[in-house]
């Protein structure tokens, strides 16, 4: 539903929709319903969509016409958009209807993490296909532990760790197509080992 404004109202509202498609399942709204609340919308083609790079800026004709001028002034014009638009178009068509499944998988995976010793996800229940995993173990101790789990199960939980002064370390998880390709038994085994070995580290 469009926002009710007075005729003289000049304040414009912009939506940074970098993860717009990712959060629609949580809100149980369509993109059109959410975007109707704003005057302009940015939508990323390289996050959940998985394109090489790029985004779309949508709004009324006067706004988009002027934005092209400022894009050029700020050096945003490229010699060619060919590889980016092909990648964006292909991946958008492939993934635009998959975000509800990504969201469901994120909830499932977060639950597995939160059942482990000294691990919490933020948020506890994801609101999109992305969340953070915080582990109460120093980075230098968790890294070799994760490597051994990968070697034994072929399940890699992350490719990087960041230090966290409040807990120990953390990393970001973003769910896409590959999650469903992991056999459930292997996933279950990986989390069983993760839980057992973190407990052993802190015993």
C-alpha atoms as a PDB file:
ATOM      1  CA  UNK A   1       0.000   0.000   0.000  1.00  0.00           C
ATOM      2  CA  UNK A   2       1.510   3.404  -0.973  1.00  0.00           C
ATOM      3  CA  UNK A   3       2.306   5.832   1.823  1.00  0.00           C
ATOM      4  CA  UNK A   4      -0.347   8.530   2.309  1.00  0.00           C
ATOM      5  CA  UNK A   5       1.390  11.919   1.971  1.00  0.00           C
ATOM      6  CA  UNK A   6       0.219  15.497   1.592  1.00  0.00           C
ATOM      7  CA  UNK A   7       0.553  17.061  -1.913  1.00  0.00           C
ATOM      8  CA  UNK A   8       3.325  19.369  -0.682  1.00  0.00           C
ATOM      9  CA  UNK A   9       5.376  16.616   0.906  1.00  0.00           C
ATOM     10  CA  UNK A  10       8.855  16.539  -0.671  1.00  0.00           C
ATOM     11  CA  UNK A  11      10.591  13.986   1.542  1.00  0.00           C
ATOM     12  CA  UNK A  12      11.515  10.935  -0.529  1.00  0.00           C
ATOM     13  CA  UNK A  13      12.027   7.470   0.891  1.00  0.00           C
ATOM     14  CA  UNK A  14      14.614   5.095  -0.574  1.00  0.00           C
ATOM     15  CA  UNK A  15      14.877   1.344   0.013  1.00  0.00           C
ATOM     16  CA  UNK A  16      18.352  -0.182   0.118  1.00  0.00           C
ATOM     17  CA  UNK A  17      17.127  -3.549  -1.111  1.00  0.00           C
ATOM     18  CA  UNK A  18      20.499  -5.292  -1.256  1.00  0.00           C
ATOM     19  CA  UNK A  19      18.855  -8.333   0.340  1.00  0.00           C
ATOM     20  CA  UNK A  20      15.254  -7.585  -0.571  1.00  0.00           C
ATOM     21  CA  UNK A  21      14.523 -10.962  -2.147  1.00  0.00           C
ATOM     22  CA  UNK A  22      16.156 -12.752   0.783  1.00  0.00           C
ATOM     23  CA  UNK A  23      13.821 -11.226   3.415  1.00  0.00           C
ATOM     24  CA  UNK A  24      10.516 -11.513   1.539  1.00  0.00           C
ATOM     25  CA  UNK A  25       9.806 -15.048   2.884  1.00  0.00           C
ATOM     26  CA  UNK A  26      10.189 -13.780   6.462  1.00  0.00           C
ATOM     27  CA  UNK A  27       7.804 -10.867   5.922  1.00  0.00           C
ATOM     28  CA  UNK A  28       5.483 -13.016   3.794  1.00  0.00           C
ATOM     29  CA  UNK A  29       5.133 -10.147   1.339  1.00  0.00           C
ATOM     30  CA  UNK A  30       5.773  -9.759  -2.362  1.00  0.00           C
ATOM     31  CA  UNK A  31       8.477  -7.476  -3.713  1.00  0.00           C
ATOM     32  CA  UNK A  32       5.757  -5.247  -5.142  1.00  0.00           C
ATOM     33  CA  UNK A  33       4.092  -4.866  -1.722  1.00  0.00           C
ATOM     34  CA  UNK A  34       7.349  -3.882  -0.027  1.00  0.00           C
ATOM     35  CA  UNK A  35       8.562  -1.593  -2.807  1.00  0.00           C
ATOM     36  CA  UNK A  36       5.228   0.264  -2.898  1.00  0.00           C
ATOM     37  CA  UNK A  37       6.236   1.857   0.429  1.00  0.00           C
ATOM     38  CA  UNK A  38       9.212   3.638  -1.160  1.00  0.00           C
ATOM     39  CA  UNK A  39       9.921   6.177  -3.889  1.00  0.00           C
ATOM     40  CA  UNK A  40      13.025   4.386  -5.133  1.00  0.00           C
ATOM     41  CA  UNK A  41      14.558   0.953  -4.687  1.00  0.00           C
ATOM     42  CA  UNK A  42      18.038  -0.523  -5.049  1.00  0.00           C
ATOM     43  CA  UNK A  43      18.237  -4.271  -5.773  1.00  0.00           C
ATOM     44  CA  UNK A  44      21.533  -6.140  -5.777  1.00  0.00           C
ATOM     45  CA  UNK A  45      22.322  -8.687  -8.494  1.00  0.00           C
ATOM     46  CA  UNK A  46      25.434 -10.091  -6.812  1.00  0.00           C
ATOM     47  CA  UNK A  47      24.295 -11.144  -3.329  1.00  0.00           C
ATOM     48  CA  UNK A  48      21.568 -13.787  -3.221  1.00  0.00           C
ATOM     49  CA  UNK A  49      21.088 -13.639  -6.987  1.00  0.00           C
ATOM     50  CA  UNK A  50      24.739 -14.554  -7.488  1.00  0.00           C
ATOM     51  CA  UNK A  51      25.579 -12.356 -10.479  1.00  0.00           C
ATOM     52  CA  UNK A  52      29.108 -11.153 -11.152  1.00  0.00           C
ATOM     53  CA  UNK A  53      28.306  -7.615  -9.994  1.00  0.00           C
ATOM     54  CA  UNK A  54      25.780  -4.852 -10.463  1.00  0.00           C
ATOM     55  CA  UNK A  55      22.379  -3.730  -9.313  1.00  0.00           C
ATOM     56  CA  UNK A  56      19.212  -2.049 -10.513  1.00  0.00           C
ATOM     57  CA  UNK A  57      17.874   1.309  -9.331  1.00  0.00           C
ATOM     58  CA  UNK A  58      14.126   1.660  -9.778  1.00  0.00           C
ATOM     59  CA  UNK A  59      11.863   4.653  -9.367  1.00  0.00           C
ATOM     60  CA  UNK A  60       9.735   7.038 -11.380  1.00  0.00           C
ATOM     61  CA  UNK A  61      10.939   8.274 -14.773  1.00  0.00           C
ATOM     62  CA  UNK A  62      12.085  11.702 -13.573  1.00  0.00           C
ATOM     63  CA  UNK A  63      14.173  10.164 -10.807  1.00  0.00           C
ATOM     64  CA  UNK A  64      15.817   7.477 -12.935  1.00  0.00           C
ATOM     65  CA  UNK A  65      16.574   9.970 -15.715  1.00  0.00           C
ATOM     66  CA  UNK A  66      18.390  12.272 -13.283  1.00  0.00           C
ATOM     67  CA  UNK A  67      20.151   9.342 -11.586  1.00  0.00           C
ATOM     68  CA  UNK A  68      21.803   8.416 -14.895  1.00  0.00           C
ATOM     69  CA  UNK A  69      23.410  11.854 -15.008  1.00  0.00           C
ATOM     70  CA  UNK A  70      24.790  11.521 -11.488  1.00  0.00           C
ATOM     71  CA  UNK A  71      25.960   7.975 -12.153  1.00  0.00           C
ATOM     72  CA  UNK A  72      28.119   9.302 -14.987  1.00  0.00           C
ATOM     73  CA  UNK A  73      29.363  12.245 -12.909  1.00  0.00           C
ATOM     74  CA  UNK A  74      30.506   9.845 -10.191  1.00  0.00           C
ATOM     75  CA  UNK A  75      32.320   7.582 -12.678  1.00  0.00           C
ATOM     76  CA  UNK A  76      29.773   4.778 -12.592  1.00  0.00           C
ATOM     77  CA  UNK A  77      29.633   4.159 -16.342  1.00  0.00           C
ATOM     78  CA  UNK A  78      31.563   1.117 -17.575  1.00  0.00           C
ATOM     79  CA  UNK A  79      32.934   0.494 -21.051  1.00  0.00           C
ATOM     80  CA  UNK A  80      30.686  -2.538 -21.380  1.00  0.00           C
ATOM     81  CA  UNK A  81      27.906  -4.046 -19.269  1.00  0.00           C
ATOM     82  CA  UNK A  82      27.880  -7.249 -21.328  1.00  0.00           C
ATOM     83  CA  UNK A  83      29.267  -9.800 -18.826  1.00  0.00           C
ATOM     84  CA  UNK A  84      27.406  -8.285 -15.897  1.00  0.00           C
ATOM     85  CA  UNK A  85      23.960  -8.090 -17.460  1.00  0.00           C
ATOM     86  CA  UNK A  86      24.186 -11.615 -18.907  1.00  0.00           C
ATOM     87  CA  UNK A  87      25.192 -13.019 -15.516  1.00  0.00           C
ATOM     88  CA  UNK A  88      22.515 -11.002 -13.677  1.00  0.00           C
ATOM     89  CA  UNK A  89      19.756 -11.990 -16.096  1.00  0.00           C
ATOM     90  CA  UNK A  90      20.648 -15.682 -16.059  1.00  0.00           C
ATOM     91  CA  UNK A  91      21.010 -15.970 -12.284  1.00  0.00           C
ATOM     92  CA  UNK A  92      17.904 -13.895 -11.592  1.00  0.00           C
ATOM     93  CA  UNK A  93      15.772 -16.259 -13.680  1.00  0.00           C
ATOM     94  CA  UNK A  94      17.377 -19.281 -12.018  1.00  0.00           C
ATOM     95  CA  UNK A  95      17.012 -18.106  -8.413  1.00  0.00           C
ATOM     96  CA  UNK A  96      14.159 -15.602  -8.102  1.00  0.00           C
ATOM     97  CA  UNK A  97      11.726 -18.278  -6.848  1.00  0.00           C
ATOM     98  CA  UNK A  98      14.190 -20.165  -4.633  1.00  0.00           C
ATOM     99  CA  UNK A  99      14.484 -17.739  -1.741  1.00  0.00           C
ATOM    100  CA  UNK A 100      11.716 -19.325   0.361  1.00  0.00           C
ATOM    101  CA  UNK A 101      13.694 -22.583   0.247  1.00  0.00           C
ATOM    102  CA  UNK A 102      16.945 -20.806   1.129  1.00  0.00           C
ATOM    103  CA  UNK A 103      15.153 -19.234   4.093  1.00  0.00           C
ATOM    104  CA  UNK A 104      13.827 -22.602   5.312  1.00  0.00           C
ATOM    105  CA  UNK A 105      17.295 -24.116   5.003  1.00  0.00           C
ATOM    106  CA  UNK A 106      18.836 -21.248   6.977  1.00  0.00           C
ATOM    107  CA  UNK A 107      16.423 -21.888   9.847  1.00  0.00           C
ATOM    108  CA  UNK A 108      17.268 -25.599   9.762  1.00  0.00           C
ATOM    109  CA  UNK A 109      21.030 -24.966   9.736  1.00  0.00           C
ATOM    110  CA  UNK A 110      20.871 -22.361  12.499  1.00  0.00           C
ATOM    111  CA  UNK A 111      19.078 -24.865  14.699  1.00  0.00           C
ATOM    112  CA  UNK A 112      21.899 -27.371  14.174  1.00  0.00           C
ATOM    113  CA  UNK A 113      24.423 -24.730  15.234  1.00  0.00           C
ATOM    114  CA  UNK A 114      22.443 -23.666  18.294  1.00  0.00           C
ATOM    115  CA  UNK A 115      22.268 -27.263  19.497  1.00  0.00           C
ATOM    116  CA  UNK A 116      26.086 -27.326  19.709  1.00  0.00           C
ATOM    117  CA  UNK A 117      28.092 -26.500  22.808  1.00  0.00           C
ATOM    118  CA  UNK A 118      29.431 -22.902  22.993  1.00  0.00           C
ATOM    119  CA  UNK A 119      27.833 -21.868  19.685  1.00  0.00           C
ATOM    120  CA  UNK A 120      25.074 -19.334  19.077  1.00  0.00           C
ATOM    121  CA  UNK A 121      23.709 -17.844  15.897  1.00  0.00           C
ATOM    122  CA  UNK A 122      22.721 -14.225  15.503  1.00  0.00           C
ATOM    123  CA  UNK A 123      19.852 -13.977  15.127  1.00  0.00           C
ATOM    124  CA  UNK A 124      18.909 -17.217  16.889  1.00  0.00           C
ATOM    125  CA  UNK A 125      16.227 -17.792  14.251  1.00  0.00           C
ATOM    126  CA  UNK A 126      17.294 -16.288  10.912  1.00  0.00           C
ATOM    127  CA  UNK A 127      15.098 -13.745   9.157  1.00  0.00           C
ATOM    128  CA  UNK A 128      16.772 -14.341   5.803  1.00  0.00           C
ATOM    129  CA  UNK A 129      19.113 -16.873   4.214  1.00  0.00           C
ATOM    130  CA  UNK A 130      22.079 -15.228   5.986  1.00  0.00           C
ATOM    131  CA  UNK A 131      23.149 -15.281   9.638  1.00  0.00           C
ATOM    132  CA  UNK A 132      26.280 -15.146  11.815  1.00  0.00           C
ATOM    133  CA  UNK A 133      27.759 -18.010  13.818  1.00  0.00           C
ATOM    134  CA  UNK A 134      29.532 -17.068  17.076  1.00  0.00           C
ATOM    135  CA  UNK A 135      31.751 -19.696  18.702  1.00  0.00           C
ATOM    136  CA  UNK A 136      33.153 -19.485  22.214  1.00  0.00           C
ATOM    137  CA  UNK A 137      36.525 -20.817  21.071  1.00  0.00           C
ATOM    138  CA  UNK A 138      39.565 -18.795  19.934  1.00  0.00           C
ATOM    139  CA  UNK A 139      40.110 -18.647  16.206  1.00  0.00           C
ATOM    140  CA  UNK A 140      43.471 -20.429  16.357  1.00  0.00           C
ATOM    141  CA  UNK A 141      41.879 -23.420  18.120  1.00  0.00           C
ATOM    142  CA  UNK A 142      38.734 -23.633  16.015  1.00  0.00           C
ATOM    143  CA  UNK A 143      40.485 -23.526  12.639  1.00  0.00           C
ATOM    144  CA  UNK A 144      42.259 -26.919  12.909  1.00  0.00           C
ATOM    145  CA  UNK A 145      39.106 -28.435  14.422  1.00  0.00           C
ATOM    146  CA  UNK A 146      37.032 -27.402  11.395  1.00  0.00           C
ATOM    147  CA  UNK A 147      39.695 -28.723   9.029  1.00  0.00           C
ATOM    148  CA  UNK A 148      39.593 -32.171  10.621  1.00  0.00           C
ATOM    149  CA  UNK A 149      35.787 -32.230  10.420  1.00  0.00           C
ATOM    150  CA  UNK A 150      35.995 -31.392   6.719  1.00  0.00           C
ATOM    151  CA  UNK A 151      38.564 -34.129   6.137  1.00  0.00           C
ATOM    152  CA  UNK A 152      36.366 -36.713   7.874  1.00  0.00           C
ATOM    153  CA  UNK A 153      32.951 -35.737   6.498  1.00  0.00           C
ATOM    154  CA  UNK A 154      33.549 -33.685   3.306  1.00  0.00           C
ATOM    155  CA  UNK A 155      31.430 -30.953   4.928  1.00  0.00           C
ATOM    156  CA  UNK A 156      33.082 -27.536   5.085  1.00  0.00           C
ATOM    157  CA  UNK A 157      31.290 -25.202   7.481  1.00  0.00           C
ATOM    158  CA  UNK A 158      33.150 -22.025   6.534  1.00  0.00           C
ATOM    159  CA  UNK A 159      36.197 -20.799   4.620  1.00  0.00           C
ATOM    160  CA  UNK A 160      37.168 -18.070   7.100  1.00  0.00           C
ATOM    161  CA  UNK A 161      36.999 -17.083  10.762  1.00  0.00           C
ATOM    162  CA  UNK A 162      37.036 -13.625  12.341  1.00  0.00           C
ATOM    163  CA  UNK A 163      38.104 -12.752  15.858  1.00  0.00           C
ATOM    164  CA  UNK A 164      35.337 -11.735  18.256  1.00  0.00           C
ATOM    165  CA  UNK A 165      36.347 -10.098  21.543  1.00  0.00           C
ATOM    166  CA  UNK A 166      33.020 -10.994  23.192  1.00  0.00           C
ATOM    167  CA  UNK A 167      33.070 -14.718  22.413  1.00  0.00           C
ATOM    168  CA  UNK A 168      36.010 -16.171  20.534  1.00  0.00           C
ATOM    169  CA  UNK A 169      35.413 -16.001  16.830  1.00  0.00           C
ATOM    170  CA  UNK A 170      32.598 -15.815  14.317  1.00  0.00           C
ATOM    171  CA  UNK A 171      31.728 -16.204  10.653  1.00  0.00           C
ATOM    172  CA  UNK A 172      28.898 -15.502   8.248  1.00  0.00           C
ATOM    173  CA  UNK A 173      26.710 -18.154   6.662  1.00  0.00           C
ATOM    174  CA  UNK A 174      24.768 -17.490   3.470  1.00  0.00           C
ATOM    175  CA  UNK A 175      22.509 -20.270   2.189  1.00  0.00           C
ATOM    176  CA  UNK A 176      22.148 -20.924  -1.528  1.00  0.00           C
ATOM    177  CA  UNK A 177      21.796 -23.843  -3.907  1.00  0.00           C
ATOM    178  CA  UNK A 178      24.655 -25.938  -2.554  1.00  0.00           C
ATOM    179  CA  UNK A 179      23.103 -26.583   0.864  1.00  0.00           C
ATOM    180  CA  UNK A 180      20.612 -29.101  -0.522  1.00  0.00           C
ATOM    181  CA  UNK A 181      23.456 -30.951  -2.239  1.00  0.00           C
ATOM    182  CA  UNK A 182      24.981 -31.945   1.112  1.00  0.00           C
ATOM    183  CA  UNK A 183      23.759 -35.405   2.237  1.00  0.00           C
ATOM    184  CA  UNK A 184      21.817 -35.048   5.486  1.00  0.00           C
ATOM    185  CA  UNK A 185      23.734 -37.883   7.134  1.00  0.00           C
ATOM    186  CA  UNK A 186      27.039 -36.157   6.391  1.00  0.00           C
ATOM    187  CA  UNK A 187      25.691 -32.881   7.751  1.00  0.00           C
ATOM    188  CA  UNK A 188      24.440 -34.570  10.904  1.00  0.00           C
ATOM    189  CA  UNK A 189      27.804 -36.257  11.397  1.00  0.00           C
ATOM    190  CA  UNK A 190      29.683 -32.978  10.920  1.00  0.00           C
ATOM    191  CA  UNK A 191      27.637 -31.259  13.625  1.00  0.00           C
ATOM    192  CA  UNK A 192      27.981 -34.238  15.944  1.00  0.00           C
ATOM    193  CA  UNK A 193      31.768 -33.977  15.639  1.00  0.00           C
ATOM    194  CA  UNK A 194      31.648 -30.203  16.022  1.00  0.00           C
ATOM    195  CA  UNK A 195      29.694 -30.466  19.259  1.00  0.00           C
ATOM    196  CA  UNK A 196      31.872 -33.245  20.701  1.00  0.00           C
ATOM    197  CA  UNK A 197      35.192 -31.587  19.860  1.00  0.00           C
ATOM    198  CA  UNK A 198      34.270 -28.153  21.145  1.00  0.00           C
ATOM    199  CA  UNK A 199      33.213 -29.795  24.415  1.00  0.00           C
ATOM    200  CA  UNK A 200      36.547 -31.604  24.538  1.00  0.00           C
ATOM    201  CA  UNK A 201      38.436 -28.356  23.951  1.00  0.00           C
ATOM    202  CA  UNK A 202      36.709 -26.718  26.892  1.00  0.00           C
ATOM    203  CA  UNK A 203      36.814 -29.714  29.243  1.00  0.00           C
END
